[in-house]
């Protein structure tokens, strides 16, 4: 016996974590390169449905966060893409593709992490200053999936348990991708 007369399933496509590269699309991923979507709220969402196809094997990460936090330590900007830390834990707390907000500057995306005290971002900082605070998303929960190109398209549903999510992809194939299509649907009701 059901008490529900009907359910309105307002499924939304998430453009912050969508990717279409290849013929007519954007840049492809070189071997071991990483794509990272941007944070999207999961409030009012129960399921994160990830759909993907590519010509190379990929590792798919669905990261979840309860929001932004103040980073550990302080940082120095020098007007370049390098960020130098003092008392920071970059290797522990950050990943390539993460967004970082440095006091007095705009958001930057992390390109590489050399050590706990040094990282680079994709565009140069506009300031030269030291002893600055920084903010980051705390991606505390990560569900990891393996996509195998020879098996064709694949999809996963991940339970939304935190306030924000993003999708990251890493090319684990032997060559640069020639195409990738990633779509994420956010579902308020999931039936298994």
N, C-alpha and C. Protein backbone atom coordinates (compact mmCIF):
# COMPACT_ATOMS: atom_id res chain seq x y z
N UNK A 1 0.83 -1.17 0.00
CA UNK A 1 0.00 0.00 0.00
C UNK A 1 0.89 1.24 0.00
N UNK A 2 0.61 2.16 -0.88
CA UNK A 2 1.39 3.38 -1.01
C UNK A 2 0.54 4.58 -0.65
N UNK A 3 1.13 5.51 0.08
CA UNK A 3 0.43 6.73 0.44
C UNK A 3 0.73 7.86 -0.53
N UNK A 4 1.67 7.64 -1.44
CA UNK A 4 2.03 8.66 -2.40
C UNK A 4 1.15 8.53 -3.63
N UNK A 5 0.51 9.60 -3.99
CA UNK A 5 -0.31 9.60 -5.20
C UNK A 5 0.57 9.76 -6.44
N UNK A 6 1.61 10.60 -6.32
CA UNK A 6 2.57 10.76 -7.40
C UNK A 6 3.82 11.44 -6.86
N UNK A 7 4.91 11.27 -7.57
CA UNK A 7 6.18 11.90 -7.21
C UNK A 7 6.64 12.73 -8.40
N UNK A 8 6.92 14.00 -8.17
CA UNK A 8 7.49 14.85 -9.20
C UNK A 8 9.00 14.76 -9.09
N UNK A 9 9.62 14.17 -10.07
CA UNK A 9 11.07 13.95 -10.06
C UNK A 9 11.71 15.07 -10.88
N UNK A 10 12.18 16.12 -10.22
CA UNK A 10 12.77 17.27 -10.88
C UNK A 10 14.28 17.06 -11.02
N UNK A 11 14.67 16.23 -11.98
CA UNK A 11 16.07 15.91 -12.21
C UNK A 11 16.72 17.07 -12.97
N UNK A 12 17.90 17.48 -12.51
CA UNK A 12 18.61 18.60 -13.12
C UNK A 12 19.97 18.16 -13.66
N UNK A 13 20.30 18.61 -14.87
CA UNK A 13 21.65 18.39 -15.40
C UNK A 13 22.57 19.44 -14.79
N UNK A 14 23.75 19.02 -14.35
CA UNK A 14 24.69 19.93 -13.70
C UNK A 14 25.75 20.38 -14.70
N UNK A 15 25.71 21.65 -15.08
CA UNK A 15 26.67 22.18 -16.04
C UNK A 15 28.05 22.42 -15.45
N UNK A 16 28.17 22.52 -14.11
CA UNK A 16 29.47 22.71 -13.48
C UNK A 16 30.36 21.47 -13.59
N UNK A 17 29.76 20.32 -13.83
CA UNK A 17 30.49 19.07 -13.89
C UNK A 17 30.20 18.32 -15.19
N UNK A 18 29.98 19.05 -16.24
CA UNK A 18 29.74 18.46 -17.56
C UNK A 18 30.98 18.69 -18.42
N UNK A 19 31.25 17.75 -19.29
CA UNK A 19 32.43 17.85 -20.14
C UNK A 19 32.12 17.18 -21.48
N UNK A 20 32.42 17.89 -22.54
CA UNK A 20 32.30 17.31 -23.88
C UNK A 20 33.52 17.77 -24.66
N UNK A 21 34.48 16.87 -24.86
CA UNK A 21 35.68 17.22 -25.59
C UNK A 21 35.88 16.25 -26.74
N UNK A 22 36.62 16.70 -27.71
CA UNK A 22 36.86 15.89 -28.89
C UNK A 22 36.46 16.68 -30.12
N UNK A 23 36.05 16.00 -31.17
CA UNK A 23 35.66 16.70 -32.39
C UNK A 23 34.59 17.76 -32.09
N UNK A 24 34.93 19.01 -32.35
CA UNK A 24 33.99 20.10 -32.13
C UNK A 24 33.91 20.56 -30.69
N UNK A 25 34.63 19.91 -29.78
CA UNK A 25 34.58 20.26 -28.36
C UNK A 25 35.88 20.86 -27.88
N UNK A 26 36.11 20.85 -26.58
CA UNK A 26 37.29 21.44 -25.97
C UNK A 26 38.51 20.55 -26.05
N UNK A 27 39.49 20.85 -25.22
CA UNK A 27 40.76 20.14 -25.21
C UNK A 27 40.61 18.76 -24.58
N UNK A 28 41.35 17.81 -25.11
CA UNK A 28 41.37 16.45 -24.58
C UNK A 28 42.37 16.33 -23.44
N UNK A 29 42.29 15.21 -22.71
CA UNK A 29 43.17 14.96 -21.57
C UNK A 29 44.36 14.10 -21.99
N UNK A 30 45.56 14.57 -21.71
CA UNK A 30 46.75 13.77 -21.95
C UNK A 30 46.81 12.66 -20.90
N UNK A 31 47.65 11.67 -21.11
CA UNK A 31 47.80 10.58 -20.14
C UNK A 31 48.15 11.16 -18.77
N UNK A 32 47.45 10.71 -17.74
CA UNK A 32 47.56 11.14 -16.35
C UNK A 32 47.05 12.56 -16.07
N UNK A 33 46.58 13.29 -17.08
CA UNK A 33 46.03 14.63 -16.85
C UNK A 33 44.70 14.51 -16.12
N UNK A 34 44.33 15.60 -15.44
CA UNK A 34 43.13 15.61 -14.61
C UNK A 34 42.18 16.72 -15.03
N UNK A 35 40.90 16.39 -15.13
CA UNK A 35 39.82 17.37 -15.29
C UNK A 35 39.13 17.46 -13.94
N UNK A 36 38.81 18.66 -13.48
CA UNK A 36 38.05 18.82 -12.23
C UNK A 36 36.90 19.77 -12.48
N UNK A 37 35.69 19.29 -12.20
CA UNK A 37 34.52 20.15 -12.24
C UNK A 37 34.55 21.11 -11.07
N UNK A 38 33.53 21.95 -10.98
CA UNK A 38 33.48 22.91 -9.88
C UNK A 38 32.33 22.57 -8.93
N UNK A 39 32.43 23.09 -7.73
CA UNK A 39 31.48 22.76 -6.67
C UNK A 39 30.04 23.12 -7.05
N UNK A 40 29.14 22.18 -6.79
CA UNK A 40 27.71 22.37 -6.99
C UNK A 40 26.99 21.93 -5.72
N UNK A 41 25.98 22.69 -5.32
CA UNK A 41 25.22 22.35 -4.12
C UNK A 41 24.42 21.07 -4.34
N UNK A 42 24.36 20.25 -3.30
CA UNK A 42 23.53 19.04 -3.33
C UNK A 42 22.34 19.17 -2.39
N UNK A 43 22.07 20.37 -1.89
CA UNK A 43 20.92 20.57 -1.01
C UNK A 43 19.64 20.28 -1.81
N UNK A 44 18.78 19.43 -1.30
CA UNK A 44 17.57 19.01 -2.00
C UNK A 44 17.81 17.87 -2.97
N UNK A 45 19.01 17.29 -2.94
CA UNK A 45 19.39 16.22 -3.85
C UNK A 45 19.74 14.97 -3.05
N UNK A 46 19.29 13.81 -3.52
CA UNK A 46 19.63 12.54 -2.87
C UNK A 46 20.68 11.80 -3.68
N UNK A 47 20.59 11.85 -5.01
CA UNK A 47 21.49 11.07 -5.85
C UNK A 47 22.26 11.92 -6.83
N UNK A 48 23.53 11.56 -7.03
CA UNK A 48 24.40 12.18 -8.03
C UNK A 48 24.64 11.11 -9.08
N UNK A 49 24.04 11.27 -10.25
CA UNK A 49 24.18 10.28 -11.32
C UNK A 49 25.23 10.74 -12.31
N UNK A 50 26.31 9.97 -12.41
CA UNK A 50 27.43 10.30 -13.28
C UNK A 50 27.39 9.39 -14.50
N UNK A 51 27.40 9.97 -15.70
CA UNK A 51 27.38 9.22 -16.95
C UNK A 51 28.60 9.62 -17.77
N UNK A 52 29.33 8.62 -18.29
CA UNK A 52 30.58 8.93 -18.99
C UNK A 52 30.85 7.95 -20.11
N UNK A 53 31.51 8.47 -21.14
CA UNK A 53 32.07 7.64 -22.19
C UNK A 53 33.34 8.32 -22.69
N UNK A 54 34.33 7.53 -23.05
CA UNK A 54 35.61 8.04 -23.55
C UNK A 54 36.31 6.93 -24.32
N UNK A 55 37.35 7.29 -25.06
CA UNK A 55 38.13 6.28 -25.78
C UNK A 55 39.34 5.83 -24.98
N UNK A 56 39.55 6.37 -23.76
CA UNK A 56 40.66 5.97 -22.90
C UNK A 56 40.12 5.58 -21.53
N UNK A 57 40.84 4.72 -20.83
CA UNK A 57 40.46 4.36 -19.46
C UNK A 57 40.60 5.59 -18.57
N UNK A 58 39.67 5.73 -17.63
CA UNK A 58 39.65 6.88 -16.73
C UNK A 58 39.42 6.42 -15.30
N UNK A 59 39.95 7.17 -14.35
CA UNK A 59 39.51 7.04 -12.97
C UNK A 59 38.57 8.21 -12.74
N UNK A 60 37.39 7.90 -12.20
CA UNK A 60 36.35 8.89 -11.96
C UNK A 60 36.22 9.08 -10.45
N UNK A 61 36.33 10.32 -10.00
CA UNK A 61 36.21 10.64 -8.58
C UNK A 61 34.98 11.51 -8.38
N UNK A 62 34.10 11.13 -7.47
CA UNK A 62 32.98 11.98 -7.06
C UNK A 62 33.33 12.46 -5.65
N UNK A 63 33.73 13.74 -5.56
CA UNK A 63 34.15 14.33 -4.29
C UNK A 63 32.97 15.06 -3.65
N UNK A 64 32.86 14.98 -2.32
CA UNK A 64 31.81 15.71 -1.61
C UNK A 64 32.43 16.52 -0.47
N UNK A 65 31.80 17.67 -0.19
CA UNK A 65 32.29 18.60 0.82
C UNK A 65 31.13 19.25 1.55
N UNK A 66 31.36 19.59 2.80
CA UNK A 66 30.36 20.34 3.56
C UNK A 66 30.53 21.84 3.37
N UNK A 67 31.51 22.28 2.59
CA UNK A 67 31.70 23.70 2.32
C UNK A 67 33.15 24.11 2.40
N UNK A 68 33.36 25.41 2.38
CA UNK A 68 34.72 25.93 2.41
C UNK A 68 35.23 26.06 3.84
N UNK A 69 36.54 25.94 3.97
CA UNK A 69 37.20 26.10 5.27
C UNK A 69 38.43 26.97 5.08
N UNK A 70 38.91 27.54 6.16
CA UNK A 70 40.16 28.29 6.13
C UNK A 70 41.30 27.29 6.10
N UNK A 71 42.24 27.50 5.19
CA UNK A 71 43.37 26.59 5.06
C UNK A 71 44.32 26.67 6.24
N UNK A 72 45.11 25.62 6.39
CA UNK A 72 46.11 25.54 7.47
C UNK A 72 47.33 26.35 7.05
N UNK A 73 47.83 27.23 7.96
CA UNK A 73 49.01 28.03 7.69
C UNK A 73 48.68 29.30 6.93
N UNK A 74 49.74 29.93 6.40
CA UNK A 74 49.58 31.14 5.59
C UNK A 74 50.36 30.96 4.29
N UNK A 75 50.08 31.86 3.32
CA UNK A 75 50.72 31.75 2.01
C UNK A 75 51.28 33.09 1.57
N UNK A 76 52.21 33.00 0.62
CA UNK A 76 52.82 34.18 0.01
C UNK A 76 52.61 34.10 -1.49
N UNK A 77 52.12 35.19 -2.07
CA UNK A 77 51.99 35.30 -3.52
C UNK A 77 53.12 36.19 -4.03
N UNK A 78 53.56 35.93 -5.25
CA UNK A 78 54.66 36.72 -5.80
C UNK A 78 54.36 37.26 -7.19
N UNK A 79 53.08 37.33 -7.55
CA UNK A 79 52.71 37.84 -8.86
C UNK A 79 52.87 36.82 -9.98
N UNK A 80 53.25 35.57 -9.64
CA UNK A 80 53.38 34.50 -10.63
C UNK A 80 52.35 33.42 -10.32
N UNK A 81 52.51 32.27 -10.90
CA UNK A 81 51.59 31.15 -10.64
C UNK A 81 51.99 30.33 -9.43
N UNK A 82 53.12 30.67 -8.79
CA UNK A 82 53.59 29.91 -7.62
C UNK A 82 52.99 30.47 -6.34
N UNK A 83 52.57 29.57 -5.47
CA UNK A 83 52.07 29.93 -4.15
C UNK A 83 52.98 29.21 -3.14
N UNK A 84 53.59 29.99 -2.25
CA UNK A 84 54.49 29.44 -1.24
C UNK A 84 53.80 29.45 0.11
N UNK A 85 53.87 28.33 0.83
CA UNK A 85 53.20 28.23 2.11
C UNK A 85 54.15 28.29 3.29
N UNK A 86 53.57 28.64 4.45
CA UNK A 86 54.29 28.60 5.71
C UNK A 86 53.37 27.88 6.69
N UNK A 87 53.79 26.67 7.14
CA UNK A 87 52.94 25.87 8.02
C UNK A 87 51.77 25.23 7.30
N UNK A 88 51.82 25.17 5.98
CA UNK A 88 50.73 24.61 5.18
C UNK A 88 50.88 23.10 5.01
N UNK A 89 49.81 22.46 4.65
CA UNK A 89 49.78 21.01 4.39
C UNK A 89 49.14 20.78 3.02
N UNK A 90 49.76 21.36 1.97
CA UNK A 90 49.19 21.28 0.63
C UNK A 90 48.97 19.84 0.17
N UNK A 91 49.95 18.96 0.41
CA UNK A 91 49.83 17.57 -0.06
C UNK A 91 48.67 16.85 0.63
N UNK A 92 48.42 17.15 1.87
CA UNK A 92 47.35 16.51 2.63
C UNK A 92 45.98 17.10 2.30
N UNK A 93 45.91 18.43 2.16
CA UNK A 93 44.63 19.12 2.14
C UNK A 93 44.11 19.49 0.75
N UNK A 94 44.96 19.47 -0.27
CA UNK A 94 44.55 19.94 -1.59
C UNK A 94 44.84 18.90 -2.66
N UNK A 95 44.14 19.04 -3.80
CA UNK A 95 44.34 18.17 -4.96
C UNK A 95 44.44 19.04 -6.21
N UNK A 96 45.10 18.53 -7.23
CA UNK A 96 45.11 19.21 -8.52
C UNK A 96 43.66 19.38 -8.96
N UNK A 97 43.33 20.58 -9.42
CA UNK A 97 41.96 20.89 -9.83
C UNK A 97 41.15 21.60 -8.77
N UNK A 98 41.64 21.62 -7.51
CA UNK A 98 40.94 22.33 -6.44
C UNK A 98 40.97 23.83 -6.69
N UNK A 99 39.94 24.50 -6.19
CA UNK A 99 39.92 25.96 -6.19
C UNK A 99 40.49 26.44 -4.87
N UNK A 100 41.21 27.56 -4.92
CA UNK A 100 41.78 28.15 -3.71
C UNK A 100 41.56 29.66 -3.79
N UNK A 101 41.12 30.25 -2.67
CA UNK A 101 40.90 31.68 -2.58
C UNK A 101 41.93 32.25 -1.62
N UNK A 102 42.79 33.14 -2.12
CA UNK A 102 43.81 33.77 -1.30
C UNK A 102 43.33 35.19 -0.98
N UNK A 103 43.44 35.58 0.30
CA UNK A 103 43.00 36.90 0.72
C UNK A 103 43.59 37.98 -0.20
N UNK A 104 42.74 38.88 -0.69
CA UNK A 104 43.18 39.98 -1.54
C UNK A 104 43.32 39.63 -3.00
N UNK A 105 42.95 38.41 -3.40
CA UNK A 105 43.07 37.98 -4.80
C UNK A 105 41.81 37.22 -5.17
N UNK A 106 41.69 36.82 -6.42
CA UNK A 106 40.52 36.07 -6.87
C UNK A 106 40.80 34.58 -6.82
N UNK A 107 39.77 33.80 -7.05
CA UNK A 107 39.89 32.34 -7.00
C UNK A 107 40.88 31.85 -8.07
N UNK A 108 41.65 30.84 -7.71
CA UNK A 108 42.59 30.21 -8.63
C UNK A 108 42.36 28.71 -8.60
N UNK A 109 42.78 28.02 -9.66
CA UNK A 109 42.68 26.56 -9.76
C UNK A 109 44.09 25.98 -9.66
N UNK A 110 44.24 24.97 -8.82
CA UNK A 110 45.56 24.36 -8.59
C UNK A 110 45.95 23.51 -9.78
N UNK A 111 47.15 23.76 -10.30
CA UNK A 111 47.68 23.06 -11.46
C UNK A 111 48.62 21.92 -11.07
N UNK A 112 49.43 22.13 -10.01
CA UNK A 112 50.38 21.12 -9.54
C UNK A 112 50.72 21.41 -8.09
N UNK A 113 51.01 20.35 -7.33
CA UNK A 113 51.41 20.49 -5.93
C UNK A 113 52.78 19.84 -5.79
N UNK A 114 53.81 20.67 -5.53
CA UNK A 114 55.18 20.17 -5.44
C UNK A 114 55.50 19.61 -4.06
N UNK A 115 54.94 20.25 -3.00
CA UNK A 115 55.23 19.83 -1.63
C UNK A 115 54.17 20.43 -0.71
N UNK A 116 54.31 20.20 0.58
CA UNK A 116 53.40 20.81 1.54
C UNK A 116 53.51 22.33 1.56
N UNK A 117 54.61 22.85 1.02
CA UNK A 117 54.88 24.29 1.08
C UNK A 117 54.91 24.98 -0.27
N UNK A 118 54.63 24.28 -1.36
CA UNK A 118 54.70 24.90 -2.68
C UNK A 118 53.70 24.27 -3.64
N UNK A 119 52.95 25.13 -4.33
CA UNK A 119 52.05 24.67 -5.39
C UNK A 119 51.99 25.72 -6.48
N UNK A 120 51.47 25.32 -7.65
CA UNK A 120 51.25 26.27 -8.73
C UNK A 120 49.78 26.26 -9.11
N UNK A 121 49.33 27.39 -9.64
CA UNK A 121 47.96 27.55 -10.08
C UNK A 121 47.95 27.83 -11.58
N UNK A 122 46.76 27.80 -12.19
CA UNK A 122 46.67 27.92 -13.64
C UNK A 122 46.82 29.35 -14.16
N UNK A 123 46.62 30.37 -13.31
CA UNK A 123 46.83 31.76 -13.75
C UNK A 123 47.52 32.53 -12.63
N UNK A 124 48.36 33.48 -13.01
CA UNK A 124 49.20 34.21 -12.05
C UNK A 124 48.37 35.01 -11.05
N UNK A 125 48.89 35.10 -9.84
CA UNK A 125 48.27 35.93 -8.81
C UNK A 125 48.49 37.40 -9.16
N UNK A 126 47.52 38.23 -8.84
CA UNK A 126 47.62 39.65 -9.15
C UNK A 126 48.31 40.45 -8.06
N UNK A 127 48.66 39.79 -6.95
CA UNK A 127 49.25 40.50 -5.82
C UNK A 127 50.61 39.92 -5.48
N UNK A 128 51.39 40.73 -4.77
CA UNK A 128 52.64 40.26 -4.18
C UNK A 128 52.53 40.58 -2.69
N UNK A 129 52.32 39.53 -1.89
CA UNK A 129 52.12 39.73 -0.45
C UNK A 129 52.40 38.44 0.29
N UNK A 130 52.69 38.55 1.58
CA UNK A 130 52.96 37.39 2.40
C UNK A 130 52.07 37.34 3.63
N UNK A 131 52.06 36.18 4.31
CA UNK A 131 51.27 36.02 5.52
C UNK A 131 49.77 36.04 5.28
N UNK A 132 49.34 35.61 4.10
CA UNK A 132 47.93 35.68 3.73
C UNK A 132 47.19 34.40 4.12
N UNK A 133 45.94 34.57 4.51
CA UNK A 133 45.06 33.43 4.75
C UNK A 133 44.51 32.94 3.42
N UNK A 134 44.07 31.70 3.39
CA UNK A 134 43.44 31.18 2.18
C UNK A 134 42.28 30.28 2.57
N UNK A 135 41.37 30.11 1.63
CA UNK A 135 40.17 29.31 1.82
C UNK A 135 40.11 28.25 0.74
N UNK A 136 39.54 27.11 1.08
CA UNK A 136 39.44 26.00 0.14
C UNK A 136 38.19 25.19 0.46
N UNK A 137 37.73 24.39 -0.50
CA UNK A 137 36.71 23.40 -0.20
C UNK A 137 37.39 22.22 0.47
N UNK A 138 36.75 21.68 1.50
CA UNK A 138 37.28 20.48 2.17
C UNK A 138 36.59 19.27 1.54
N UNK A 139 37.23 18.65 0.56
CA UNK A 139 36.66 17.48 -0.13
C UNK A 139 36.96 16.25 0.72
N UNK A 140 36.15 16.05 1.76
CA UNK A 140 36.40 15.01 2.75
C UNK A 140 35.93 13.63 2.32
N UNK A 141 35.01 13.54 1.39
CA UNK A 141 34.45 12.26 0.96
C UNK A 141 34.74 12.09 -0.53
N UNK A 142 35.32 10.96 -0.92
CA UNK A 142 35.57 10.69 -2.33
C UNK A 142 35.16 9.26 -2.65
N UNK A 143 34.26 9.12 -3.63
CA UNK A 143 33.92 7.81 -4.18
C UNK A 143 34.68 7.68 -5.49
N UNK A 144 35.36 6.55 -5.68
CA UNK A 144 36.22 6.35 -6.84
C UNK A 144 35.70 5.20 -7.69
N UNK A 145 35.66 5.44 -9.01
CA UNK A 145 35.18 4.44 -9.96
C UNK A 145 36.19 4.31 -11.09
N UNK A 146 36.29 3.12 -11.66
CA UNK A 146 37.15 2.89 -12.82
C UNK A 146 36.28 2.77 -14.06
N UNK A 147 36.61 3.57 -15.07
CA UNK A 147 35.93 3.50 -16.36
C UNK A 147 36.88 2.81 -17.34
N UNK A 148 36.39 1.74 -17.99
CA UNK A 148 37.18 1.01 -18.97
C UNK A 148 36.60 1.26 -20.36
N UNK A 149 37.39 1.90 -21.22
CA UNK A 149 36.93 2.32 -22.54
C UNK A 149 36.39 1.17 -23.38
N UNK A 150 37.00 -0.02 -23.27
CA UNK A 150 36.59 -1.14 -24.11
C UNK A 150 35.21 -1.69 -23.73
N UNK A 151 34.67 -1.26 -22.57
CA UNK A 151 33.33 -1.72 -22.15
C UNK A 151 32.22 -0.76 -22.55
N UNK A 152 32.57 0.39 -23.13
CA UNK A 152 31.56 1.35 -23.55
C UNK A 152 31.13 2.27 -22.42
N UNK A 153 30.07 3.05 -22.65
CA UNK A 153 29.60 4.02 -21.67
C UNK A 153 29.25 3.38 -20.33
N UNK A 154 29.36 4.16 -19.27
CA UNK A 154 29.13 3.67 -17.92
C UNK A 154 28.45 4.75 -17.10
N UNK A 155 27.69 4.34 -16.10
CA UNK A 155 27.06 5.30 -15.20
C UNK A 155 27.09 4.77 -13.78
N UNK A 156 27.11 5.71 -12.83
CA UNK A 156 27.08 5.38 -11.41
C UNK A 156 26.14 6.35 -10.72
N UNK A 157 25.50 5.89 -9.66
CA UNK A 157 24.73 6.77 -8.80
C UNK A 157 25.40 6.78 -7.44
N UNK A 158 25.71 7.97 -6.96
CA UNK A 158 26.36 8.16 -5.67
C UNK A 158 25.38 8.88 -4.76
N UNK A 159 25.26 8.43 -3.53
CA UNK A 159 24.38 9.10 -2.58
C UNK A 159 24.99 10.44 -2.18
N UNK A 160 24.18 11.49 -2.24
CA UNK A 160 24.61 12.81 -1.79
C UNK A 160 24.54 12.85 -0.28
N UNK A 161 25.69 12.98 0.37
CA UNK A 161 25.73 13.00 1.84
C UNK A 161 26.31 14.29 2.39
N UNK A 162 26.80 15.16 1.54
CA UNK A 162 27.37 16.44 1.97
C UNK A 162 26.69 17.57 1.20
N UNK A 163 27.05 18.80 1.47
CA UNK A 163 26.37 19.96 0.89
C UNK A 163 26.83 20.31 -0.52
N UNK A 164 28.02 19.88 -0.92
CA UNK A 164 28.55 20.19 -2.25
C UNK A 164 29.23 18.95 -2.83
N UNK A 165 29.33 18.92 -4.17
CA UNK A 165 30.05 17.84 -4.83
C UNK A 165 30.74 18.40 -6.05
N UNK A 166 31.66 17.61 -6.60
CA UNK A 166 32.27 17.86 -7.91
C UNK A 166 32.73 16.53 -8.46
N UNK A 167 32.99 16.47 -9.76
CA UNK A 167 33.52 15.27 -10.40
C UNK A 167 34.90 15.59 -10.94
N UNK A 168 35.85 14.65 -10.71
CA UNK A 168 37.18 14.74 -11.30
C UNK A 168 37.40 13.50 -12.16
N UNK A 169 38.13 13.68 -13.25
CA UNK A 169 38.51 12.57 -14.13
C UNK A 169 40.02 12.57 -14.28
N UNK A 170 40.62 11.40 -14.29
CA UNK A 170 42.05 11.28 -14.61
C UNK A 170 42.21 10.27 -15.72
N UNK A 171 42.89 10.69 -16.79
CA UNK A 171 43.14 9.80 -17.93
C UNK A 171 44.17 8.76 -17.51
N UNK A 172 43.76 7.50 -17.44
CA UNK A 172 44.65 6.40 -17.09
C UNK A 172 45.03 5.57 -18.32
N UNK A 173 44.65 6.07 -19.50
CA UNK A 173 44.95 5.36 -20.74
C UNK A 173 46.38 5.59 -21.18
N UNK A 174 46.73 4.97 -22.30
CA UNK A 174 48.09 5.05 -22.83
C UNK A 174 48.29 6.21 -23.79
N UNK A 175 47.21 6.93 -24.10
CA UNK A 175 47.29 8.03 -25.06
C UNK A 175 46.35 9.16 -24.64
N UNK A 176 46.51 10.30 -25.29
CA UNK A 176 45.59 11.42 -25.08
C UNK A 176 44.21 11.00 -25.56
N UNK A 177 43.17 11.41 -24.83
CA UNK A 177 41.81 11.09 -25.26
C UNK A 177 41.51 11.77 -26.59
N UNK A 178 40.66 11.14 -27.39
CA UNK A 178 40.15 11.81 -28.60
C UNK A 178 38.72 12.27 -28.38
N UNK A 179 38.07 11.73 -27.34
CA UNK A 179 36.76 12.26 -26.93
C UNK A 179 36.44 11.83 -25.51
N UNK A 180 35.70 12.68 -24.84
CA UNK A 180 35.13 12.39 -23.52
C UNK A 180 33.77 13.08 -23.48
N UNK A 181 32.77 12.36 -23.00
CA UNK A 181 31.48 12.98 -22.71
C UNK A 181 31.12 12.62 -21.27
N UNK A 182 30.96 13.64 -20.44
CA UNK A 182 30.59 13.48 -19.05
C UNK A 182 29.34 14.30 -18.81
N UNK A 183 28.33 13.67 -18.22
CA UNK A 183 27.13 14.39 -17.80
C UNK A 183 26.78 13.92 -16.40
N UNK A 184 26.35 14.87 -15.57
CA UNK A 184 25.93 14.57 -14.22
C UNK A 184 24.50 15.05 -14.04
N UNK A 185 23.65 14.17 -13.54
CA UNK A 185 22.25 14.52 -13.23
C UNK A 185 22.07 14.48 -11.71
N UNK A 186 21.38 15.48 -11.19
CA UNK A 186 21.11 15.56 -9.76
C UNK A 186 19.65 15.19 -9.54
N UNK A 187 19.42 14.18 -8.70
CA UNK A 187 18.08 13.61 -8.52
C UNK A 187 17.60 13.80 -7.09
N UNK A 188 16.40 14.38 -6.90
CA UNK A 188 15.88 14.55 -5.56
C UNK A 188 15.37 13.24 -4.94
N UNK A 189 15.04 12.24 -5.75
CA UNK A 189 14.55 10.95 -5.26
C UNK A 189 15.27 9.86 -6.04
N UNK A 190 15.79 8.86 -5.32
CA UNK A 190 16.45 7.73 -5.96
C UNK A 190 15.83 6.45 -5.44
N UNK A 191 15.48 5.57 -6.37
CA UNK A 191 14.92 4.27 -5.98
C UNK A 191 15.90 3.21 -6.45
N UNK A 192 16.30 2.32 -5.54
CA UNK A 192 17.25 1.28 -5.94
C UNK A 192 16.55 -0.06 -6.07
